[in-house]
Amino acid sequence: MPADDAAGPRDLSADIAARADSYFNRTRQIAARFGDKRVTYAVFLRRPVISAPRLMTEWLDMVAAARATRIDVDMMYPEGTWVGACEPLVYITGSFVQLSDLETILLQKIGPACVAAHNAYQMCLSLPQAAFLAMEARHCAGAEMQDMMAYAAAVGSNAAKREGARGFIGNANDGTAHWFGTPRGFGTMPHSLIGYAGSTLRAAEMFRETFPDEPITVLADYFGREVTDALAVCARFPELAAAGQLSFRLDTHGGRFLEGLGPAESYAVLERRAPGAIRRYRSDAELRYLVGTGVSAAAVWHTREALDAAGYPRARIVVSSGFGVDKCRVMADARAPIDVVGTGSFIPDSWHETYATADIVEYDGVPMVKVGREFLLRRNGARRRTGGDPGVASEAGGDAVPGVGPAKVGTPFSPGPALSRG
């Protein structure tokens, strides 16, 4: 758990004071001196996202309990629902003294999660027949980010599953596996094990001897013999291949072609398998995903053809290396026969897009917001709630999460209905 989640009241207060922007700390002191007001904040992002508020609301719950105050949350978009750019995700109402120094941290806990959830959602919908495995941990800046990104991937995945995609079946470490409903992380071997074993085949044998009851996913690119080594492992474990318990992970370096391919051979593979994909106009990046070096659509098709021709049609293909939204879309267009995608590329590339913003829109019940942010005001005392029936409006504050005891906010969210674009 992140350090602030385990802190006691005094530790939490010191943590907030240390991490909050200083002008928020000073504002709290001024409001305490000159008189408190009941305020309402609107929280929004400047780009479309999938709502992923749970980490923020659970933190607000903890803060409210520690401060013996009440914080009401009016969630406009339930967890897992699509949110348009600049639409308020949530209204947060409470004491100005108690809320003013929380803004820095609460925004950190909602913005990146919503953008990463949107990325995961788009990736899963692009390849609805493929399973996804979250492999973000190595790219995260510490445990708190790791937990946030895993949560976001699970939220985006669940949204895509409601639209028919297989989505994320798990992740690569035990610490955040609970977000995916699994007891532990998945995975079999890194490149280092193959180097240690001295051959791809020997690494597979070592794994089998150590974990005799588990399926095997073999990294096939270590020696640059993806096809040769995959076939050798199939020949050694034909029963696993026939049972669909043997997979080969393609992680070919972007500086070279997969074994047996070059530019001409890559074009030829797609001409056989997905000619339409290479006959349309393509950007340089799209062409690279289709017929370039690394794990291209041609590389996936070439591997599938080799496995099938050798009599191993149930041996599975796992892909990794830069499988973000754009690459997933290109792979789908080429109908690449991918069984599993291992990726951490739902982590936002453009971090400035993850910056959430909060503005106060009411002081003691009186609407007021800075010029240019009038779109955040509750319209005629109500805003349409798009997580449910698009035609039903909710009265201002009518669906707030009321305090229980000293306070209660961040009650568990159940996934909303089919995503609304309206």
Protein backbone atom coordinates (compact mmCIF):
# COMPACT_ATOMS: atom_id res chain seq x y z
CA MET A 1 0.00 0.00 0.00
CA PRO A 2 1.19 3.59 -0.59
CA ALA A 3 2.71 5.19 2.48
CA ASP A 4 -0.05 7.78 2.90
CA ASP A 5 -2.72 5.06 2.96
CA ALA A 6 -1.17 3.50 6.04
CA ALA A 7 -0.54 6.76 7.90
CA GLY A 8 -2.26 7.65 11.16
CA PRO A 9 -4.06 10.98 11.63
CA ARG A 10 -0.94 12.91 12.66
CA ASP A 11 1.19 11.35 9.95
CA LEU A 12 -1.54 12.02 7.41
CA SER A 13 -1.78 15.68 8.39
CA ALA A 14 1.98 16.11 8.07
CA ASP A 15 1.99 14.27 4.75
CA ILE A 16 -0.73 16.51 3.32
CA ALA A 17 1.02 19.66 4.51
CA ALA A 18 4.31 18.53 2.97
CA ARG A 19 2.87 17.48 -0.38
CA ALA A 20 0.26 20.20 -0.92
CA ASP A 21 1.17 23.35 -2.81
CA SER A 22 2.02 25.99 -0.23
CA TYR A 23 -0.66 28.45 -1.36
CA PHE A 24 -3.30 25.85 -0.50
CA ASN A 25 -1.82 25.46 2.98
CA ARG A 26 -1.86 29.22 3.46
CA THR A 27 -5.41 29.46 2.13
CA ARG A 28 -6.50 26.97 4.76
CA GLN A 29 -5.00 29.10 7.50
CA ILE A 30 -6.63 32.26 6.15
CA ALA A 31 -10.06 30.61 5.93
CA ALA A 32 -9.71 29.30 9.47
CA ARG A 33 -8.97 32.83 10.69
CA PHE A 34 -11.64 34.76 8.80
CA GLY A 35 -14.46 32.24 8.78
CA ASP A 36 -15.22 28.96 7.08
CA LYS A 37 -17.55 28.48 4.10
CA ARG A 38 -19.16 25.44 2.57
CA VAL A 39 -17.76 25.04 -0.92
CA THR A 40 -18.21 22.77 -3.91
CA TYR A 41 -15.32 21.79 -6.20
CA ALA A 42 -15.77 20.55 -9.77
CA VAL A 43 -13.04 18.19 -11.02
CA PHE A 44 -12.43 17.73 -14.76
CA LEU A 45 -9.85 16.83 -17.41
CA ARG A 46 -9.31 18.52 -20.75
CA ARG A 47 -9.51 15.33 -22.82
CA PRO A 48 -11.88 12.36 -23.06
CA VAL A 49 -11.24 9.73 -20.39
CA ILE A 50 -12.73 6.74 -18.64
CA SER A 51 -13.82 7.60 -15.11
CA ALA A 52 -11.45 6.01 -12.57
CA PRO A 53 -12.08 7.87 -9.30
CA ARG A 54 -11.75 5.16 -6.65
CA LEU A 55 -8.21 5.95 -5.47
CA MET A 56 -9.18 9.58 -4.99
CA THR A 57 -12.45 8.89 -3.19
CA GLU A 58 -10.92 6.28 -0.89
CA TRP A 59 -8.23 8.79 0.04
CA LEU A 60 -10.85 11.48 0.71
CA ASP A 61 -12.69 8.96 2.88
CA MET A 62 -9.58 8.46 4.96
CA VAL A 63 -8.90 12.21 5.25
CA ALA A 64 -12.49 12.96 6.22
CA ALA A 65 -12.41 10.35 8.97
CA ALA A 66 -9.07 11.62 10.30
CA ARG A 67 -10.32 15.23 10.37
CA ALA A 68 -13.77 14.35 11.73
CA THR A 69 -15.40 16.30 8.93
CA ARG A 70 -17.97 15.54 6.28
CA ILE A 71 -17.17 15.44 2.58
CA ASP A 72 -19.99 14.89 0.09
CA VAL A 73 -19.20 13.48 -3.33
CA ASP A 74 -21.59 13.84 -6.26
CA MET A 75 -20.21 11.40 -8.83
CA MET A 76 -21.37 12.52 -12.28
CA TYR A 77 -19.70 9.62 -14.09
CA PRO A 78 -19.53 6.28 -12.25
CA GLU A 79 -16.37 4.24 -12.43
CA GLY A 80 -15.82 2.79 -15.89
CA THR A 81 -17.99 5.23 -17.83
CA TRP A 82 -16.82 7.43 -20.70
CA VAL A 83 -16.33 11.13 -19.95
CA GLY A 84 -16.10 13.90 -22.52
CA ALA A 85 -13.41 16.58 -22.46
CA CYS A 86 -13.97 19.26 -19.80
CA GLU A 87 -17.02 17.50 -18.36
CA PRO A 88 -17.02 17.56 -14.54
CA LEU A 89 -16.37 14.02 -13.35
CA VAL A 90 -17.31 14.76 -9.76
CA TYR A 91 -18.46 17.55 -7.45
CA ILE A 92 -16.85 17.54 -3.99
CA THR A 93 -18.55 19.55 -1.24
CA GLY A 94 -17.46 20.35 2.29
CA SER A 95 -15.72 22.79 4.59
CA PHE A 96 -13.33 25.15 2.79
CA VAL A 97 -10.94 24.88 5.73
CA GLN A 98 -10.92 21.10 5.48
CA LEU A 99 -10.82 20.84 1.66
CA SER A 100 -8.58 23.69 0.53
CA ASP A 101 -5.26 21.91 1.16
CA LEU A 102 -6.37 18.62 -0.42
CA GLU A 103 -6.52 19.81 -4.03
CA THR A 104 -2.95 18.97 -5.03
CA ILE A 105 -3.13 15.38 -3.86
CA LEU A 106 -6.67 14.55 -4.92
CA LEU A 107 -5.87 15.67 -8.48
CA GLN A 108 -2.79 13.44 -8.53
CA LYS A 109 -5.00 10.48 -7.65
CA ILE A 110 -7.61 10.91 -10.37
CA GLY A 111 -6.06 12.42 -13.52
CA PRO A 112 -3.46 9.81 -14.54
CA ALA A 113 -5.78 6.94 -13.62
CA CYS A 114 -8.56 8.25 -15.88
CA VAL A 115 -6.25 8.68 -18.89
CA ALA A 116 -4.59 5.27 -18.41
CA ALA A 117 -8.03 3.66 -18.09
CA HIS A 118 -9.06 5.26 -21.38
CA ASN A 119 -5.92 3.94 -23.08
CA ALA A 120 -6.53 0.43 -21.76
CA TYR A 121 -10.15 0.60 -22.88
CA GLN A 122 -9.18 1.63 -26.42
CA MET A 123 -6.50 -1.07 -26.65
CA CYS A 124 -8.88 -3.83 -25.56
CA LEU A 125 -11.57 -2.71 -27.98
CA SER A 126 -9.06 -2.59 -30.83
CA LEU A 127 -8.18 -6.26 -30.33
CA PRO A 128 -11.36 -7.66 -28.79
CA GLN A 129 -10.45 -11.32 -29.39
CA ALA A 130 -7.04 -11.07 -27.71
CA ALA A 131 -6.39 -11.35 -24.01
CA PHE A 132 -4.25 -8.66 -22.39
CA LEU A 133 -1.69 -8.95 -19.61
CA ALA A 134 -0.70 -5.81 -17.68
CA MET A 135 3.09 -5.44 -17.57
CA GLU A 136 3.35 -1.85 -16.40
CA ALA A 137 5.25 -2.35 -13.14
CA ARG A 138 8.78 -1.94 -14.52
CA HIS A 139 7.82 1.38 -16.12
CA CYS A 140 6.31 2.93 -12.99
CA ALA A 141 7.95 5.46 -10.69
CA GLY A 142 7.39 3.57 -7.46
CA ALA A 143 4.68 1.58 -5.71
CA GLU A 144 1.97 4.26 -5.71
CA MET A 145 2.14 4.74 -9.47
CA GLN A 146 2.27 0.97 -9.98
CA ASP A 147 -0.92 0.52 -7.99
CA MET A 148 -2.61 3.39 -9.84
CA MET A 149 -1.74 2.11 -13.30
CA ALA A 150 -2.88 -1.44 -12.50
CA TYR A 151 -6.16 -0.09 -11.15
CA ALA A 152 -6.60 2.03 -14.27
CA ALA A 153 -5.95 -0.91 -16.59
CA ALA A 154 -8.55 -2.96 -14.74
CA VAL A 155 -11.14 -0.17 -14.98
CA GLY A 156 -10.53 0.31 -18.71
CA SER A 157 -10.58 -3.43 -19.25
CA ASN A 158 -13.90 -3.87 -17.45
CA ALA A 159 -15.41 -1.11 -19.57
CA ALA A 160 -14.23 -2.85 -22.74
CA LYS A 161 -15.48 -6.23 -21.51
CA ARG A 162 -18.96 -4.77 -21.24
CA GLU A 163 -18.71 -4.10 -24.97
CA GLY A 164 -17.61 -7.64 -25.82
CA ALA A 165 -13.81 -7.55 -25.55
CA ARG A 166 -11.81 -10.17 -23.65
CA GLY A 167 -9.77 -7.44 -21.98
CA PHE A 168 -7.09 -7.91 -19.33
CA ILE A 169 -6.97 -11.38 -17.81
CA GLY A 170 -4.36 -10.41 -15.21
CA ASN A 171 -1.02 -8.77 -14.66
CA ALA A 172 2.62 -9.64 -14.14
CA ASN A 173 3.08 -9.20 -10.37
CA ASP A 174 1.39 -10.32 -7.18
CA GLY A 175 1.14 -6.92 -5.51
CA THR A 176 -1.51 -5.50 -7.84
CA ALA A 177 -3.11 -8.76 -9.03
CA HIS A 178 -6.17 -8.08 -6.88
CA TRP A 179 -7.30 -5.35 -9.28
CA PHE A 180 -7.81 -8.07 -11.90
CA GLY A 181 -9.50 -10.54 -9.58
CA THR A 182 -6.59 -12.97 -9.56
CA PRO A 183 -4.61 -14.24 -6.56
CA ARG A 184 -1.21 -13.71 -8.17
CA GLY A 185 0.58 -12.36 -11.20
CA PHE A 186 1.19 -14.29 -14.42
CA GLY A 187 4.41 -14.93 -16.30
CA THR A 188 7.00 -17.60 -16.90
CA MET A 189 10.44 -16.39 -17.95
CA PRO A 190 12.50 -13.27 -18.67
CA HIS A 191 15.39 -13.04 -21.12
CA SER A 192 17.82 -13.48 -18.25
CA LEU A 193 16.66 -17.07 -17.69
CA ILE A 194 17.38 -17.96 -21.32
CA GLY A 195 20.85 -16.47 -21.04
CA TYR A 196 21.37 -18.43 -17.85
CA ALA A 197 20.18 -21.67 -19.43
CA GLY A 198 22.29 -21.20 -22.54
CA SER A 199 19.47 -21.98 -24.99
CA THR A 200 15.79 -21.26 -25.43
CA LEU A 201 14.98 -24.98 -25.34
CA ARG A 202 16.92 -25.58 -22.13
CA ALA A 203 15.17 -22.66 -20.45
CA ALA A 204 11.81 -24.21 -21.34
CA GLU A 205 12.98 -27.57 -19.95
CA MET A 206 14.15 -25.96 -16.71
CA PHE A 207 10.84 -24.22 -16.29
CA ARG A 208 8.93 -27.42 -16.92
CA GLU A 209 11.02 -29.35 -14.42
CA THR A 210 10.50 -26.68 -11.76
CA PHE A 211 6.82 -25.97 -12.45
CA PRO A 212 5.51 -29.20 -14.00
CA ASP A 213 1.82 -28.33 -13.77
CA GLU A 214 1.88 -24.88 -15.32
CA PRO A 215 1.54 -23.72 -18.93
CA ILE A 216 4.72 -22.30 -20.47
CA THR A 217 5.23 -19.03 -22.29
CA VAL A 218 8.67 -19.06 -23.93
CA LEU A 219 10.53 -15.94 -24.99
CA ALA A 220 11.60 -16.72 -28.54
CA ASP A 221 13.78 -13.79 -29.57
CA TYR A 222 16.90 -14.06 -27.37
CA PHE A 223 19.13 -15.65 -30.02
CA GLY A 224 17.34 -14.12 -33.01
CA ARG A 225 15.89 -17.51 -33.96
CA GLU A 226 12.25 -16.94 -33.14
CA VAL A 227 10.87 -19.53 -35.55
CA THR A 228 13.66 -22.10 -35.21
CA ASP A 229 13.62 -22.04 -31.42
CA ALA A 230 9.82 -22.06 -31.21
CA LEU A 231 9.65 -25.16 -33.38
CA ALA A 232 12.37 -26.84 -31.32
CA VAL A 233 10.41 -26.26 -28.12
CA CYS A 234 7.22 -27.57 -29.76
CA ALA A 235 9.06 -30.70 -30.85
CA ARG A 236 10.27 -31.19 -27.26
CA PHE A 237 6.82 -30.64 -25.73
CA PRO A 238 4.31 -31.68 -28.41
CA GLU A 239 1.67 -32.61 -25.85
CA LEU A 240 1.73 -29.08 -24.38
CA ALA A 241 1.51 -27.55 -27.84
CA ALA A 242 -1.44 -29.79 -28.74
CA ALA A 243 -3.22 -28.86 -25.50
CA GLY A 244 -2.80 -25.13 -26.05
CA GLN A 245 -0.51 -24.95 -23.00
CA LEU A 246 2.55 -23.74 -24.89
CA SER A 247 2.93 -20.11 -25.96
CA PHE A 248 5.69 -18.12 -27.60
CA ARG A 249 6.26 -14.51 -26.72
CA LEU A 250 7.57 -12.32 -29.53
CA ASP A 251 9.60 -9.42 -28.16
CA THR A 252 11.92 -8.86 -31.12
CA HIS A 253 14.13 -5.79 -30.82
CA GLY A 254 13.10 -2.85 -32.99
CA GLY A 255 16.54 -2.77 -34.57
CA ARG A 256 16.11 -6.01 -36.53
CA PHE A 257 13.57 -8.15 -38.36
CA LEU A 258 12.20 -11.37 -36.92
CA GLU A 259 13.96 -14.48 -38.21
CA GLY A 260 13.21 -15.13 -41.87
CA LEU A 261 11.88 -11.68 -42.62
CA GLY A 262 13.09 -8.57 -44.38
CA PRO A 263 11.17 -5.81 -46.13
CA ALA A 264 10.24 -7.91 -49.16
CA GLU A 265 9.31 -10.98 -47.15
CA SER A 266 7.22 -8.88 -44.74
CA TYR A 267 5.22 -7.37 -47.57
CA ALA A 268 4.74 -10.84 -49.06
CA VAL A 269 3.34 -12.23 -45.81
CA LEU A 270 0.74 -9.49 -45.55
CA GLU A 271 -0.07 -9.76 -49.24
CA ARG A 272 -1.06 -13.35 -48.49
CA ARG A 273 -2.85 -12.70 -45.23
CA ALA A 274 -4.14 -9.12 -45.12
CA PRO A 275 -3.58 -7.37 -48.45
CA GLY A 276 -5.96 -4.54 -47.66
CA ALA A 277 -3.85 -3.51 -44.70
CA ILE A 278 -0.88 -2.53 -46.85
CA ARG A 279 -2.76 -1.07 -49.81
CA ARG A 280 -4.23 1.84 -47.90
CA TYR A 281 -2.32 5.02 -47.17
CA ARG A 282 -0.11 4.55 -44.14
CA SER A 283 1.98 6.81 -41.97
CA ASP A 284 5.58 5.84 -41.31
CA ALA A 285 4.64 4.56 -37.86
CA GLU A 286 1.82 2.42 -39.24
CA LEU A 287 4.08 0.92 -41.90
CA ARG A 288 6.60 0.04 -39.23
CA TYR A 289 3.91 -1.72 -37.22
CA LEU A 290 2.84 -3.63 -40.33
CA VAL A 291 6.04 -4.61 -42.13
CA GLY A 292 8.94 -3.06 -40.21
CA THR A 293 11.46 -4.34 -37.75
CA GLY A 294 10.54 -5.63 -34.31
CA VAL A 295 7.19 -7.19 -33.53
CA SER A 296 5.26 -6.31 -36.67
CA ALA A 297 2.01 -7.71 -38.03
CA ALA A 298 4.09 -9.55 -40.63
CA ALA A 299 6.20 -11.06 -37.84
CA VAL A 300 3.11 -12.38 -36.09
CA TRP A 301 1.68 -13.85 -39.29
CA HIS A 302 5.04 -15.37 -40.24
CA THR A 303 5.32 -17.11 -36.87
CA ARG A 304 1.74 -18.37 -37.09
CA GLU A 305 2.34 -19.78 -40.56
CA ALA A 306 5.48 -21.60 -39.40
CA LEU A 307 3.77 -23.12 -36.36
CA ASP A 308 0.77 -24.23 -38.37
CA ALA A 309 2.88 -25.71 -41.17
CA ALA A 310 4.85 -27.76 -38.63
CA GLY A 311 1.68 -29.19 -37.14
CA TYR A 312 1.27 -26.99 -34.07
CA PRO A 313 -1.89 -24.97 -34.74
CA ARG A 314 -2.75 -24.73 -31.04
CA ALA A 315 0.60 -23.28 -29.98
CA ARG A 316 -0.20 -19.73 -28.96
CA ILE A 317 1.42 -16.38 -29.79
CA VAL A 318 2.03 -13.70 -27.17
CA VAL A 319 3.25 -10.29 -28.29
CA SER A 320 4.94 -7.45 -26.43
CA SER A 321 6.99 -4.34 -27.20
CA GLY A 322 5.19 -1.04 -27.56
CA PHE A 323 1.62 -2.28 -27.89
CA GLY A 324 -0.18 0.98 -27.26
CA VAL A 325 -3.47 2.15 -28.75
CA ASP A 326 -2.09 2.90 -32.23
CA LYS A 327 -0.17 -0.36 -32.58
CA CYS A 328 -3.16 -2.38 -31.42
CA ARG A 329 -5.33 -0.71 -34.04
CA VAL A 330 -2.87 -1.49 -36.83
CA MET A 331 -2.61 -5.11 -35.68
CA ALA A 332 -6.39 -5.37 -35.76
CA ASP A 333 -6.48 -3.97 -39.29
CA ALA A 334 -3.99 -6.64 -40.36
CA ARG A 335 -6.01 -9.31 -38.52
CA ALA A 336 -2.78 -10.40 -36.82
CA PRO A 337 -3.37 -13.78 -35.09
CA ILE A 338 -2.50 -12.61 -31.59
CA ASP A 339 -3.59 -14.65 -28.59
CA VAL A 340 -2.23 -12.47 -25.77
CA VAL A 341 -0.83 -8.93 -25.61
CA GLY A 342 1.63 -8.19 -22.83
CA THR A 343 1.80 -4.43 -22.37
CA GLY A 344 2.34 -1.51 -20.08
CA SER A 345 1.71 0.97 -22.86
CA PHE A 346 -1.55 2.14 -21.36
CA ILE A 347 0.68 4.35 -19.20
CA PRO A 348 0.11 7.82 -20.71
CA ASP A 349 2.80 9.01 -23.13
CA SER A 350 1.87 12.69 -22.93
CA TRP A 351 1.84 13.25 -19.20
CA HIS A 352 0.47 16.78 -19.52
CA GLU A 353 -2.79 15.22 -20.71
CA THR A 354 -3.20 13.59 -17.29
CA TYR A 355 -3.43 16.86 -15.38
CA ALA A 356 -6.83 17.08 -13.73
CA THR A 357 -8.14 20.45 -12.61
CA ALA A 358 -10.41 21.45 -9.74
CA ASP A 359 -12.33 24.73 -9.47
CA ILE A 360 -14.69 25.86 -6.76
CA VAL A 361 -18.11 26.48 -8.31
CA GLU A 362 -20.16 27.33 -5.18
CA TYR A 363 -19.50 29.25 -1.95
CA ASP A 364 -22.16 28.70 0.71
CA GLY A 365 -24.57 27.61 -2.01
CA VAL A 366 -23.97 30.65 -4.25
CA PRO A 367 -22.68 29.73 -7.75
CA MET A 368 -19.35 31.42 -8.46
CA VAL A 369 -16.39 30.41 -10.63
CA LYS A 370 -13.58 32.22 -12.40
CA VAL A 371 -14.31 33.69 -15.81
CA GLY A 372 -13.89 31.08 -18.53
CA ARG A 373 -14.93 28.16 -16.35
CA GLU A 374 -18.66 28.77 -16.37
CA PHE A 375 -19.13 25.40 -18.07
CA LEU A 376 -18.43 23.81 -14.69
CA LEU A 377 -21.43 25.37 -12.99
CA ARG A 378 -24.37 23.13 -12.27
CA ARG A 379 -26.83 24.04 -15.00
CA ASN A 380 -30.00 25.48 -13.49
CA GLY A 381 -29.23 23.54 -10.34
CA ALA A 382 -28.71 20.27 -12.17
CA ARG A 383 -26.31 18.47 -14.47
CA ARG A 384 -27.16 15.51 -16.68
CA ARG A 385 -25.72 12.26 -15.35
CA THR A 386 -24.34 10.22 -18.25
CA GLY A 387 -23.44 7.11 -16.28
CA GLY A 388 -27.08 6.03 -16.31
CA ASP A 389 -30.10 7.06 -18.35
CA PRO A 390 -28.89 9.87 -20.66
CA GLY A 391 -32.26 11.59 -20.31
CA VAL A 392 -32.33 11.77 -16.52
CA ALA A 393 -30.96 14.82 -14.72
CA SER A 394 -29.88 14.80 -11.09
CA GLU A 395 -30.58 17.74 -8.82
CA ALA A 396 -27.58 19.56 -7.43
CA GLY A 397 -26.30 17.59 -4.51
CA GLY A 398 -29.17 15.16 -4.80
CA ASP A 399 -26.94 12.14 -5.36
CA ALA A 400 -24.14 13.15 -3.04
CA VAL A 401 -22.58 10.41 -0.94
CA PRO A 402 -23.66 11.44 2.58
CA GLY A 403 -21.42 11.34 5.60
CA VAL A 404 -21.64 8.33 7.86
CA GLY A 405 -20.36 8.95 11.37
CA PRO A 406 -17.75 11.68 11.08
CA ALA A 407 -17.69 11.28 7.28
CA LYS A 408 -18.02 8.69 4.59
CA VAL A 409 -16.95 9.20 1.01
CA GLY A 410 -15.66 6.88 -1.66
CA THR A 411 -18.14 4.06 -1.17
CA PRO A 412 -17.42 1.14 -3.51
CA PHE A 413 -18.42 1.78 -7.09
CA SER A 414 -20.18 -0.84 -9.15
CA PRO A 415 -19.42 -0.75 -12.88
CA GLY A 416 -21.91 1.37 -14.72
CA PRO A 417 -24.03 0.28 -17.68
CA ALA A 418 -22.86 0.41 -21.28
CA LEU A 419 -20.73 3.47 -21.92
CA SER A 420 -22.55 6.57 -23.00
CA ARG A 421 -21.20 8.89 -25.67
CA GLY A 422 -24.15 11.23 -25.41
